[in-house]
Amino acid sequence: MQYRLVFLLTTFFLLSCGKDHSDPKAQPTQHSAKSQIVPAFDGMRAFQFLTAQTDFGPRTPGSVAHQRCLTYLQTEMAMYAEAVNQQQFSHVGYRGELLNMTNLISSFNLKATSRILLIAHWDSRPMADQEADPLKKKKPILGANDGASGVAVLMEISRHLKEDPPSIGVDMLFVDGEDFGKESDTKNYLLGARYFAKHLPPGFKPLFGILLDMVGDRQLEIEKEPYSLQYAPDIVELVWSTAKQLGVEQFISSNQRYVIDDHLPLNEVGIKTIDLIDFNYPDDSNRFWHTTEDTPDKCSPESLEAVGKVLMYVIYQQPAQ
């Protein structure tokens, strides 16, 4: 594969380009005899990354907390990644206001031509529209699980990618504006992923992508997401078989509902991407999703570690091609 990551890093993700689709022949490889030693994922460290985000408050586009969190993520990722770049874009809000948004892209092992993409959204929702109390519906949510959990797992993985580089390259995409839209207004969701998909860097052809969204639930049960099975069944099999091999029981073999999420724009431009998400938060009878109850106490280091452990094995046992 030709993956052009040898370019001016300061302008890496600011270049406009056409839609460069993934090579359909590029397939992830199952665990090999020459697999690398996999570092241990620290769930407590990941949980600290989660609370560091929520300590800023709701990270809604246009807020002070949003800007402060961006600065924090930029600073932290610069400690681990070989290159950290911002992809800035704007969006007109519901009141006609112009909102500045930012995708943050961190790259590891720049020399590697075989690469994978890991994704999470770092914004939080401007309205708690699933609240039963009408007075709370217009309040922003803290987004401990819905946003911060996926970012936290990737941040902990980043630390290991610096200390013990894998044989493949890894790009991490923290997208903005995923949760901006009002209920059923799908055109105002997935804003950062859609922008990224329309402005791919030249030659951007990862083997596959894995999206993390709502992976911190104390009662974590990640079922297979149907769009993921439709677009990337081999990647679903890779992840779930890895979880089974490791005895990670939070990955369930049954299928869940279709989820409109950041993996869809990427799949539409040929980057086969799966979604790891526990939509029943914490279960199908009691939902903290899109409510003011989405707080760190509803999440756990153990759940973050379960997801992080599986991803670490997928990364480190994926041989370069």
C-alpha atoms as a PDB file:
ATOM      1  CA  MET A   1       0.000   0.000   0.000  1.00  0.00           C
ATOM      2  CA  GLN A   2       1.116   3.522  -0.632  1.00  0.00           C
ATOM      3  CA  TYR A   3       0.306   5.620   2.401  1.00  0.00           C
ATOM      4  CA  ARG A   4       1.802   9.082   2.153  1.00  0.00           C
ATOM      5  CA  LEU A   5       2.644  10.155   5.641  1.00  0.00           C
ATOM      6  CA  VAL A   6       5.986  11.615   4.576  1.00  0.00           C
ATOM      7  CA  PHE A   7       4.921  15.195   4.094  1.00  0.00           C
ATOM      8  CA  LEU A   8       4.934  18.509   5.902  1.00  0.00           C
ATOM      9  CA  LEU A   9       3.442  17.619   9.281  1.00  0.00           C
ATOM     10  CA  THR A  10       2.333  21.143  10.051  1.00  0.00           C
ATOM     11  CA  THR A  11      -0.011  21.069   7.067  1.00  0.00           C
ATOM     12  CA  PHE A  12      -0.854  17.363   7.159  1.00  0.00           C
ATOM     13  CA  PHE A  13      -4.577  17.478   7.678  1.00  0.00           C
ATOM     14  CA  LEU A  14      -5.176  20.987   6.393  1.00  0.00           C
ATOM     15  CA  LEU A  15      -4.734  19.995   2.750  1.00  0.00           C
ATOM     16  CA  SER A  16      -7.865  19.519   0.714  1.00  0.00           C
ATOM     17  CA  CYS A  17      -8.036  16.400  -1.389  1.00  0.00           C
ATOM     18  CA  GLY A  18     -10.302  14.022  -3.208  1.00  0.00           C
ATOM     19  CA  LYS A  19     -11.860  10.853  -1.862  1.00  0.00           C
ATOM     20  CA  ASP A  20      -9.146   8.234  -1.733  1.00  0.00           C
ATOM     21  CA  HIS A  21     -10.808   4.894  -1.090  1.00  0.00           C
ATOM     22  CA  SER A  22      -9.215   2.031   0.802  1.00  0.00           C
ATOM     23  CA  ASP A  23      -7.809  -0.841  -1.181  1.00  0.00           C
ATOM     24  CA  PRO A  24     -10.529  -3.529  -0.975  1.00  0.00           C
ATOM     25  CA  LYS A  25      -7.834  -6.195  -1.193  1.00  0.00           C
ATOM     26  CA  ALA A  26      -6.132  -4.982   1.975  1.00  0.00           C
ATOM     27  CA  GLN A  27      -7.180  -7.345   4.741  1.00  0.00           C
ATOM     28  CA  PRO A  28      -6.242  -7.408   8.418  1.00  0.00           C
ATOM     29  CA  THR A  29      -4.146 -10.385   9.358  1.00  0.00           C
ATOM     30  CA  GLN A  30      -4.998 -12.692  12.252  1.00  0.00           C
ATOM     31  CA  HIS A  31      -2.496 -13.235  15.037  1.00  0.00           C
ATOM     32  CA  SER A  32       0.855 -14.540  13.825  1.00  0.00           C
ATOM     33  CA  ALA A  33       3.618 -16.593  15.410  1.00  0.00           C
ATOM     34  CA  LYS A  34       5.855 -13.512  15.390  1.00  0.00           C
ATOM     35  CA  SER A  35       3.408 -11.344  17.333  1.00  0.00           C
ATOM     36  CA  GLN A  36       4.884  -8.620  19.514  1.00  0.00           C
ATOM     37  CA  ILE A  37       4.658  -8.591  23.276  1.00  0.00           C
ATOM     38  CA  VAL A  38       1.516  -6.642  24.159  1.00  0.00           C
ATOM     39  CA  PRO A  39       1.871  -4.007  26.902  1.00  0.00           C
ATOM     40  CA  ALA A  40      -0.666  -4.077  29.731  1.00  0.00           C
ATOM     41  CA  PHE A  41      -3.491  -1.554  29.410  1.00  0.00           C
ATOM     42  CA  ASP A  42      -4.089   0.426  32.621  1.00  0.00           C
ATOM     43  CA  GLY A  43      -7.813   0.931  33.211  1.00  0.00           C
ATOM     44  CA  MET A  44      -7.265   3.278  36.141  1.00  0.00           C
ATOM     45  CA  ARG A  45      -5.002   5.502  34.052  1.00  0.00           C
ATOM     46  CA  ALA A  46      -7.659   5.539  31.331  1.00  0.00           C
ATOM     47  CA  PHE A  47     -10.292   6.511  33.902  1.00  0.00           C
ATOM     48  CA  GLN A  48      -8.112   9.436  34.929  1.00  0.00           C
ATOM     49  CA  PHE A  49      -8.050  10.548  31.300  1.00  0.00           C
ATOM     50  CA  LEU A  50     -11.863  10.316  31.339  1.00  0.00           C
ATOM     51  CA  THR A  51     -12.294  12.490  34.425  1.00  0.00           C
ATOM     52  CA  ALA A  52      -9.726  14.976  33.162  1.00  0.00           C
ATOM     53  CA  GLN A  53     -12.105  15.662  30.274  1.00  0.00           C
ATOM     54  CA  THR A  54     -15.272  15.858  32.354  1.00  0.00           C
ATOM     55  CA  ASP A  55     -13.563  18.186  34.839  1.00  0.00           C
ATOM     56  CA  PHE A  56     -13.791  20.862  32.139  1.00  0.00           C
ATOM     57  CA  GLY A  57     -17.576  20.501  32.165  1.00  0.00           C
ATOM     58  CA  PRO A  58     -19.761  19.883  29.094  1.00  0.00           C
ATOM     59  CA  ARG A  59     -17.524  20.161  25.994  1.00  0.00           C
ATOM     60  CA  THR A  60     -20.158  21.627  23.712  1.00  0.00           C
ATOM     61  CA  PRO A  61     -18.952  23.442  20.568  1.00  0.00           C
ATOM     62  CA  GLY A  62     -18.506  27.141  21.195  1.00  0.00           C
ATOM     63  CA  SER A  63     -18.082  26.823  24.967  1.00  0.00           C
ATOM     64  CA  VAL A  64     -15.050  27.683  27.093  1.00  0.00           C
ATOM     65  CA  ALA A  65     -14.906  24.054  28.263  1.00  0.00           C
ATOM     66  CA  HIS A  66     -14.749  22.928  24.641  1.00  0.00           C
ATOM     67  CA  GLN A  67     -11.720  25.121  23.925  1.00  0.00           C
ATOM     68  CA  ARG A  68      -9.967  24.154  27.158  1.00  0.00           C
ATOM     69  CA  CYS A  69     -10.466  20.466  26.471  1.00  0.00           C
ATOM     70  CA  LEU A  70      -9.051  20.860  22.973  1.00  0.00           C
ATOM     71  CA  THR A  71      -5.940  22.485  24.418  1.00  0.00           C
ATOM     72  CA  TYR A  72      -5.635  19.648  26.929  1.00  0.00           C
ATOM     73  CA  LEU A  73      -5.981  16.941  24.277  1.00  0.00           C
ATOM     74  CA  GLN A  74      -3.513  18.670  21.971  1.00  0.00           C
ATOM     75  CA  THR A  75      -0.959  18.974  24.782  1.00  0.00           C
ATOM     76  CA  GLU A  76      -1.379  15.393  26.002  1.00  0.00           C
ATOM     77  CA  MET A  77      -1.249  13.801  22.584  1.00  0.00           C
ATOM     78  CA  ALA A  78       1.856  15.793  21.677  1.00  0.00           C
ATOM     79  CA  MET A  79       3.616  13.932  24.491  1.00  0.00           C
ATOM     80  CA  TYR A  80       3.016  10.572  22.810  1.00  0.00           C
ATOM     81  CA  ALA A  81       2.449  10.926  19.059  1.00  0.00           C
ATOM     82  CA  GLU A  82       5.028  11.662  16.364  1.00  0.00           C
ATOM     83  CA  ALA A  83       2.652  14.151  14.763  1.00  0.00           C
ATOM     84  CA  VAL A  84      -0.456  15.913  16.088  1.00  0.00           C
ATOM     85  CA  ASN A  85      -2.510  17.998  13.675  1.00  0.00           C
ATOM     86  CA  GLN A  86      -5.723  19.957  13.830  1.00  0.00           C
ATOM     87  CA  GLN A  87      -8.344  19.893  11.106  1.00  0.00           C
ATOM     88  CA  GLN A  88     -10.436  22.986  11.677  1.00  0.00           C
ATOM     89  CA  PHE A  89     -13.885  23.574  10.225  1.00  0.00           C
ATOM     90  CA  SER A  90     -16.977  25.613  11.014  1.00  0.00           C
ATOM     91  CA  HIS A  91     -20.679  24.873  11.270  1.00  0.00           C
ATOM     92  CA  VAL A  92     -23.752  27.086  11.494  1.00  0.00           C
ATOM     93  CA  GLY A  93     -25.717  26.357  14.667  1.00  0.00           C
ATOM     94  CA  TYR A  94     -29.455  26.341  15.253  1.00  0.00           C
ATOM     95  CA  ARG A  95     -29.484  30.033  16.207  1.00  0.00           C
ATOM     96  CA  GLY A  96     -27.467  31.036  13.163  1.00  0.00           C
ATOM     97  CA  GLU A  97     -24.231  31.237  15.129  1.00  0.00           C
ATOM     98  CA  LEU A  98     -20.959  30.178  13.509  1.00  0.00           C
ATOM     99  CA  LEU A  99     -19.333  27.430  15.553  1.00  0.00           C
ATOM    100  CA  ASN A 100     -15.649  26.625  15.234  1.00  0.00           C
ATOM    101  CA  MET A 101     -14.923  22.914  15.463  1.00  0.00           C
ATOM    102  CA  THR A 102     -11.741  20.879  15.374  1.00  0.00           C
ATOM    103  CA  ASN A 103     -10.787  17.322  14.532  1.00  0.00           C
ATOM    104  CA  LEU A 104      -7.552  16.268  16.218  1.00  0.00           C
ATOM    105  CA  ILE A 105      -5.376  13.718  14.417  1.00  0.00           C
ATOM    106  CA  SER A 106      -2.423  11.980  16.078  1.00  0.00           C
ATOM    107  CA  SER A 107      -0.062   9.703  14.170  1.00  0.00           C
ATOM    108  CA  PHE A 108       2.286   7.007  15.446  1.00  0.00           C
ATOM    109  CA  ASN A 109       5.084   5.163  13.622  1.00  0.00           C
ATOM    110  CA  LEU A 110       5.059   7.463  10.615  1.00  0.00           C
ATOM    111  CA  LYS A 111       7.419   5.256   8.626  1.00  0.00           C
ATOM    112  CA  ALA A 112       4.981   2.321   8.600  1.00  0.00           C
ATOM    113  CA  THR A 113       3.033   1.854   5.376  1.00  0.00           C
ATOM    114  CA  SER A 114       0.547  -0.580   6.969  1.00  0.00           C
ATOM    115  CA  ARG A 115      -1.729   1.500   9.207  1.00  0.00           C
ATOM    116  CA  ILE A 116      -4.977   1.353  11.140  1.00  0.00           C
ATOM    117  CA  LEU A 117      -7.314   4.145  12.208  1.00  0.00           C
ATOM    118  CA  LEU A 118      -8.841   4.526  15.690  1.00  0.00           C
ATOM    119  CA  ILE A 119     -11.686   7.020  16.213  1.00  0.00           C
ATOM    120  CA  ALA A 120     -13.618   8.621  19.093  1.00  0.00           C
ATOM    121  CA  HIS A 121     -15.603  11.847  19.436  1.00  0.00           C
ATOM    122  CA  TRP A 122     -14.438  14.404  21.995  1.00  0.00           C
ATOM    123  CA  ASP A 123     -17.392  16.795  22.029  1.00  0.00           C
ATOM    124  CA  SER A 124     -20.393  16.401  24.339  1.00  0.00           C
ATOM    125  CA  ARG A 125     -24.079  16.939  23.666  1.00  0.00           C
ATOM    126  CA  PRO A 126     -25.565  20.460  23.987  1.00  0.00           C
ATOM    127  CA  MET A 127     -28.954  19.222  25.191  1.00  0.00           C
ATOM    128  CA  ALA A 128     -30.193  16.463  27.512  1.00  0.00           C
ATOM    129  CA  ASP A 129     -33.147  15.681  25.268  1.00  0.00           C
ATOM    130  CA  GLN A 130     -33.775  12.226  26.781  1.00  0.00           C
ATOM    131  CA  GLU A 131     -34.463  13.640  30.245  1.00  0.00           C
ATOM    132  CA  ALA A 132     -37.891  12.899  31.693  1.00  0.00           C
ATOM    133  CA  ASP A 133     -37.889  16.271  33.456  1.00  0.00           C
ATOM    134  CA  PRO A 134     -38.741  19.008  30.892  1.00  0.00           C
ATOM    135  CA  LEU A 135     -36.683  21.532  32.866  1.00  0.00           C
ATOM    136  CA  LYS A 136     -33.537  19.487  32.248  1.00  0.00           C
ATOM    137  CA  LYS A 137     -34.004  18.843  28.537  1.00  0.00           C
ATOM    138  CA  LYS A 138     -32.158  21.996  27.461  1.00  0.00           C
ATOM    139  CA  LYS A 139     -29.190  21.422  29.749  1.00  0.00           C
ATOM    140  CA  PRO A 140     -25.914  20.170  28.226  1.00  0.00           C
ATOM    141  CA  ILE A 141     -24.701  16.722  29.258  1.00  0.00           C
ATOM    142  CA  LEU A 142     -21.330  16.009  30.839  1.00  0.00           C
ATOM    143  CA  GLY A 143     -20.687  13.147  28.441  1.00  0.00           C
ATOM    144  CA  ALA A 144     -18.567  10.887  30.648  1.00  0.00           C
ATOM    145  CA  ASN A 145     -19.510   7.805  28.657  1.00  0.00           C
ATOM    146  CA  ASP A 146     -20.834   9.434  25.506  1.00  0.00           C
ATOM    147  CA  GLY A 147     -17.599  10.939  24.304  1.00  0.00           C
ATOM    148  CA  ALA A 148     -15.011  10.958  27.074  1.00  0.00           C
ATOM    149  CA  SER A 149     -14.801   7.168  27.480  1.00  0.00           C
ATOM    150  CA  GLY A 150     -13.649   6.450  23.928  1.00  0.00           C
ATOM    151  CA  VAL A 151     -11.132   9.287  24.001  1.00  0.00           C
ATOM    152  CA  ALA A 152      -9.805   8.043  27.354  1.00  0.00           C
ATOM    153  CA  VAL A 153      -9.146   4.550  26.001  1.00  0.00           C
ATOM    154  CA  LEU A 154      -7.262   5.954  23.012  1.00  0.00           C
ATOM    155  CA  MET A 155      -5.211   8.267  25.217  1.00  0.00           C
ATOM    156  CA  GLU A 156      -4.045   5.343  27.349  1.00  0.00           C
ATOM    157  CA  ILE A 157      -3.220   3.359  24.210  1.00  0.00           C
ATOM    158  CA  SER A 158      -1.221   6.370  22.967  1.00  0.00           C
ATOM    159  CA  ARG A 159       1.069   6.177  25.964  1.00  0.00           C
ATOM    160  CA  HIS A 160       2.021   2.614  25.061  1.00  0.00           C
ATOM    161  CA  LEU A 161       2.425   3.326  21.363  1.00  0.00           C
ATOM    162  CA  LYS A 162       5.189   5.777  22.265  1.00  0.00           C
ATOM    163  CA  GLU A 163       6.910   3.555  24.832  1.00  0.00           C
ATOM    164  CA  ASP A 164       6.599   0.283  22.874  1.00  0.00           C
ATOM    165  CA  PRO A 165       5.972   1.027  19.179  1.00  0.00           C
ATOM    166  CA  PRO A 166       4.053  -1.682  17.299  1.00  0.00           C
ATOM    167  CA  SER A 167       5.093  -2.912  13.870  1.00  0.00           C
ATOM    168  CA  ILE A 168       2.196  -1.136  12.174  1.00  0.00           C
ATOM    169  CA  GLY A 169       1.322   2.540  12.058  1.00  0.00           C
ATOM    170  CA  VAL A 170      -1.622   3.943  13.986  1.00  0.00           C
ATOM    171  CA  ASP A 171      -3.597   7.128  13.377  1.00  0.00           C
ATOM    172  CA  MET A 172      -6.027   8.397  15.998  1.00  0.00           C
ATOM    173  CA  LEU A 173      -8.868  10.674  15.006  1.00  0.00           C
ATOM    174  CA  PHE A 174     -10.696  12.627  17.715  1.00  0.00           C
ATOM    175  CA  VAL A 175     -13.714  14.050  15.898  1.00  0.00           C
ATOM    176  CA  ASP A 176     -15.711  17.095  16.920  1.00  0.00           C
ATOM    177  CA  GLY A 177     -19.421  17.803  16.486  1.00  0.00           C
ATOM    178  CA  GLU A 178     -20.572  14.177  16.618  1.00  0.00           C
ATOM    179  CA  ASP A 179     -23.390  14.888  19.064  1.00  0.00           C
ATOM    180  CA  PHE A 180     -24.478  18.378  18.025  1.00  0.00           C
ATOM    181  CA  GLY A 181     -27.784  17.614  16.297  1.00  0.00           C
ATOM    182  CA  LYS A 182     -31.260  17.673  17.718  1.00  0.00           C
ATOM    183  CA  GLU A 183     -33.121  14.386  17.930  1.00  0.00           C
ATOM    184  CA  SER A 184     -33.856  12.951  14.453  1.00  0.00           C
ATOM    185  CA  ASP A 185     -31.953  15.791  12.752  1.00  0.00           C
ATOM    186  CA  THR A 186     -29.321  13.432  11.374  1.00  0.00           C
ATOM    187  CA  LYS A 187     -27.706  16.021   9.077  1.00  0.00           C
ATOM    188  CA  ASN A 188     -26.395  17.837  12.171  1.00  0.00           C
ATOM    189  CA  TYR A 189     -24.750  14.741  13.664  1.00  0.00           C
ATOM    190  CA  LEU A 190     -21.338  13.254  12.794  1.00  0.00           C
ATOM    191  CA  LEU A 191     -20.059  16.657  11.681  1.00  0.00           C
ATOM    192  CA  GLY A 192     -16.367  15.996  12.272  1.00  0.00           C
ATOM    193  CA  ALA A 193     -16.398  12.523  10.729  1.00  0.00           C
ATOM    194  CA  ARG A 194     -18.223  13.826   7.676  1.00  0.00           C
ATOM    195  CA  TYR A 195     -15.752  16.656   7.261  1.00  0.00           C
ATOM    196  CA  PHE A 196     -12.795  14.305   7.626  1.00  0.00           C
ATOM    197  CA  ALA A 197     -14.271  11.870   5.089  1.00  0.00           C
ATOM    198  CA  LYS A 198     -14.613  14.701   2.560  1.00  0.00           C
ATOM    199  CA  HIS A 199     -11.080  16.007   3.181  1.00  0.00           C
ATOM    200  CA  LEU A 200      -8.934  12.904   3.407  1.00  0.00           C
ATOM    201  CA  PRO A 201      -5.167  13.424   3.311  1.00  0.00           C
ATOM    202  CA  PRO A 202      -3.502  12.352   0.052  1.00  0.00           C
ATOM    203  CA  GLY A 203      -2.977   8.603  -0.054  1.00  0.00           C
ATOM    204  CA  PHE A 204      -4.840   7.948   3.198  1.00  0.00           C
ATOM    205  CA  LYS A 205      -5.518   4.196   3.019  1.00  0.00           C
ATOM    206  CA  PRO A 206      -5.678   2.515   6.427  1.00  0.00           C
ATOM    207  CA  LEU A 207      -6.277  -1.226   6.526  1.00  0.00           C
ATOM    208  CA  PHE A 208      -9.357  -0.619   8.667  1.00  0.00           C
ATOM    209  CA  GLY A 209     -10.834   1.626  11.338  1.00  0.00           C
ATOM    210  CA  ILE A 210     -12.308   1.029  14.794  1.00  0.00           C
ATOM    211  CA  LEU A 211     -14.646   3.559  16.388  1.00  0.00           C
ATOM    212  CA  LEU A 212     -15.084   3.733  20.177  1.00  0.00           C
ATOM    213  CA  ASP A 213     -18.293   5.323  21.460  1.00  0.00           C
ATOM    214  CA  MET A 214     -19.903   4.737  24.870  1.00  0.00           C
ATOM    215  CA  VAL A 215     -17.430   2.099  26.056  1.00  0.00           C
ATOM    216  CA  GLY A 216     -17.173   3.074  29.742  1.00  0.00           C
ATOM    217  CA  ASP A 217     -20.537   1.788  31.038  1.00  0.00           C
ATOM    218  CA  ARG A 218     -20.182   0.013  34.409  1.00  0.00           C
ATOM    219  CA  GLN A 219     -22.436  -2.730  33.021  1.00  0.00           C
ATOM    220  CA  LEU A 220     -20.566  -2.941  29.741  1.00  0.00           C
ATOM    221  CA  GLU A 221     -21.925  -5.321  27.105  1.00  0.00           C
ATOM    222  CA  ILE A 222     -20.782  -4.597  23.566  1.00  0.00           C
ATOM    223  CA  GLU A 223     -22.879  -6.384  20.969  1.00  0.00           C
ATOM    224  CA  LYS A 224     -22.097  -6.510  17.259  1.00  0.00           C
ATOM    225  CA  GLU A 225     -23.409  -3.445  15.426  1.00  0.00           C
ATOM    226  CA  PRO A 226     -25.237  -4.277  12.161  1.00  0.00           C
ATOM    227  CA  TYR A 227     -23.694  -1.541   9.978  1.00  0.00           C
ATOM    228  CA  SER A 228     -20.294  -2.788  11.115  1.00  0.00           C
ATOM    229  CA  LEU A 229     -21.240  -6.313  10.070  1.00  0.00           C
ATOM    230  CA  GLN A 230     -22.448  -4.983   6.730  1.00  0.00           C
ATOM    231  CA  TYR A 231     -19.334  -2.955   5.877  1.00  0.00           C
ATOM    232  CA  ALA A 232     -16.536  -4.775   7.707  1.00  0.00           C
ATOM    233  CA  PRO A 233     -17.511  -8.274   8.877  1.00  0.00           C
ATOM    234  CA  ASP A 234     -13.858  -9.390   8.906  1.00  0.00           C
ATOM    235  CA  ILE A 235     -12.923  -6.605  11.337  1.00  0.00           C
ATOM    236  CA  VAL A 236     -15.849  -7.515  13.594  1.00  0.00           C
ATOM    237  CA  GLU A 237     -14.610 -11.101  13.566  1.00  0.00           C
ATOM    238  CA  LEU A 238     -11.044  -9.986  14.312  1.00  0.00           C
ATOM    239  CA  VAL A 239     -12.096  -7.952  17.356  1.00  0.00           C
ATOM    240  CA  TRP A 240     -14.600 -10.432  18.766  1.00  0.00           C
ATOM    241  CA  SER A 241     -12.304 -13.413  18.271  1.00  0.00           C
ATOM    242  CA  THR A 242      -9.534 -11.486  20.048  1.00  0.00           C
ATOM    243  CA  ALA A 243     -11.874 -10.750  22.955  1.00  0.00           C
ATOM    244  CA  LYS A 244     -12.842 -14.427  23.153  1.00  0.00           C
ATOM    245  CA  GLN A 245      -9.213 -15.502  23.079  1.00  0.00           C
ATOM    246  CA  LEU A 246      -8.446 -13.108  25.941  1.00  0.00           C
ATOM    247  CA  GLY A 247     -11.520 -14.091  27.954  1.00  0.00           C
ATOM    248  CA  VAL A 248     -12.946 -10.555  27.804  1.00  0.00           C
ATOM    249  CA  GLU A 249     -16.623 -11.254  28.409  1.00  0.00           C
ATOM    250  CA  GLN A 250     -17.859  -7.696  27.768  1.00  0.00           C
ATOM    251  CA  PHE A 251     -17.908  -8.440  24.024  1.00  0.00           C
ATOM    252  CA  ILE A 252     -21.213 -10.224  23.354  1.00  0.00           C
ATOM    253  CA  SER A 253     -21.806 -12.422  20.299  1.00  0.00           C
ATOM    254  CA  SER A 254     -25.379 -11.192  19.725  1.00  0.00           C
ATOM    255  CA  ASN A 255     -26.326  -8.283  17.460  1.00  0.00           C
ATOM    256  CA  GLN A 256     -27.649  -4.925  18.637  1.00  0.00           C
ATOM    257  CA  ARG A 257     -29.641  -2.234  16.835  1.00  0.00           C
ATOM    258  CA  TYR A 258     -28.292  -0.286  13.851  1.00  0.00           C
ATOM    259  CA  VAL A 259     -26.436   2.773  15.139  1.00  0.00           C
ATOM    260  CA  ILE A 260     -25.903   5.984  13.153  1.00  0.00           C
ATOM    261  CA  ASP A 261     -22.396   6.894  14.236  1.00  0.00           C
ATOM    262  CA  ASP A 262     -19.034   8.200  13.061  1.00  0.00           C
ATOM    263  CA  HIS A 263     -18.145   4.927  11.320  1.00  0.00           C
ATOM    264  CA  LEU A 264     -20.713   5.529   8.567  1.00  0.00           C
ATOM    265  CA  PRO A 265     -19.015   8.482   6.767  1.00  0.00           C
ATOM    266  CA  LEU A 266     -15.737   6.562   6.817  1.00  0.00           C
ATOM    267  CA  ASN A 267     -17.288   3.425   5.380  1.00  0.00           C
ATOM    268  CA  GLU A 268     -18.952   5.504   2.684  1.00  0.00           C
ATOM    269  CA  VAL A 269     -15.530   6.616   1.389  1.00  0.00           C
ATOM    270  CA  GLY A 270     -14.084   3.123   1.484  1.00  0.00           C
ATOM    271  CA  ILE A 271     -12.438   2.986   4.912  1.00  0.00           C
ATOM    272  CA  LYS A 272     -14.012  -0.117   6.391  1.00  0.00           C
ATOM    273  CA  THR A 273     -14.752   0.776   9.986  1.00  0.00           C
ATOM    274  CA  ILE A 274     -16.606  -0.876  12.854  1.00  0.00           C
ATOM    275  CA  ASP A 275     -18.362   0.669  15.846  1.00  0.00           C
ATOM    276  CA  LEU A 276     -17.731  -0.518  19.405  1.00  0.00           C
ATOM    277  CA  ILE A 277     -20.692   0.830  21.367  1.00  0.00           C
ATOM    278  CA  ASP A 278     -22.886  -0.246  24.278  1.00  0.00           C
ATOM    279  CA  PHE A 279     -26.053   1.639  23.438  1.00  0.00           C
ATOM    280  CA  ASN A 280     -27.949   0.252  26.458  1.00  0.00           C
ATOM    281  CA  TYR A 281     -26.450   2.516  29.104  1.00  0.00           C
ATOM    282  CA  PRO A 282     -26.599   0.946  31.620  1.00  0.00           C
ATOM    283  CA  ASP A 283     -29.337  -1.432  30.409  1.00  0.00           C
ATOM    284  CA  ASP A 284     -32.461  -1.498  28.257  1.00  0.00           C
ATOM    285  CA  SER A 285     -34.713  -0.437  31.138  1.00  0.00           C
ATOM    286  CA  ASN A 286     -32.702   2.427  32.615  1.00  0.00           C
ATOM    287  CA  ARG A 287     -31.001   4.809  30.209  1.00  0.00           C
ATOM    288  CA  PHE A 288     -28.439   7.511  31.049  1.00  0.00           C
ATOM    289  CA  TRP A 289     -27.896   8.183  27.337  1.00  0.00           C
ATOM    290  CA  HIS A 290     -28.384  11.875  26.455  1.00  0.00           C
ATOM    291  CA  THR A 291     -29.302  12.767  30.036  1.00  0.00           C
ATOM    292  CA  THR A 292     -27.606  14.739  32.799  1.00  0.00           C
ATOM    293  CA  GLU A 293     -26.892  11.378  34.468  1.00  0.00           C
ATOM    294  CA  ASP A 294     -24.047  10.620  32.037  1.00  0.00           C
ATOM    295  CA  THR A 295     -21.387  11.238  34.688  1.00  0.00           C
ATOM    296  CA  PRO A 296     -18.105   9.511  35.652  1.00  0.00           C
ATOM    297  CA  ASP A 297     -19.677   7.516  38.484  1.00  0.00           C
ATOM    298  CA  LYS A 298     -21.701   5.615  35.849  1.00  0.00           C
ATOM    299  CA  CYS A 299     -18.434   4.478  34.226  1.00  0.00           C
ATOM    300  CA  SER A 300     -15.657   2.214  35.459  1.00  0.00           C
ATOM    301  CA  PRO A 301     -11.923   1.593  34.963  1.00  0.00           C
ATOM    302  CA  GLU A 302     -12.728  -2.101  34.476  1.00  0.00           C
ATOM    303  CA  SER A 303     -14.891  -1.418  31.431  1.00  0.00           C
ATOM    304  CA  LEU A 304     -12.297   0.886  29.885  1.00  0.00           C
ATOM    305  CA  GLU A 305      -9.642  -1.755  30.505  1.00  0.00           C
ATOM    306  CA  ALA A 306     -11.723  -4.494  28.859  1.00  0.00           C
ATOM    307  CA  VAL A 307     -11.957  -2.479  25.647  1.00  0.00           C
ATOM    308  CA  GLY A 308      -8.401  -1.220  25.809  1.00  0.00           C
ATOM    309  CA  LYS A 309      -6.978  -4.694  26.357  1.00  0.00           C
ATOM    310  CA  VAL A 310      -8.692  -6.059  23.261  1.00  0.00           C
ATOM    311  CA  LEU A 311      -7.594  -3.123  21.115  1.00  0.00           C
ATOM    312  CA  MET A 312      -4.015  -3.409  22.327  1.00  0.00           C
ATOM    313  CA  TYR A 313      -3.906  -7.034  21.165  1.00  0.00           C
ATOM    314  CA  VAL A 314      -5.451  -6.124  17.823  1.00  0.00           C
ATOM    315  CA  ILE A 315      -2.805  -3.423  17.337  1.00  0.00           C
ATOM    316  CA  TYR A 316       0.270  -5.281  18.532  1.00  0.00           C
ATOM    317  CA  GLN A 317      -0.556  -8.614  16.900  1.00  0.00           C
ATOM    318  CA  GLN A 318      -1.360  -7.035  13.549  1.00  0.00           C
ATOM    319  CA  PRO A 319       1.802  -7.611  11.486  1.00  0.00           C
ATOM    320  CA  ALA A 320       3.093  -5.063   9.004  1.00  0.00           C
ATOM    321  CA  GLN A 321       2.414  -5.927   5.381  1.00  0.00           C
END
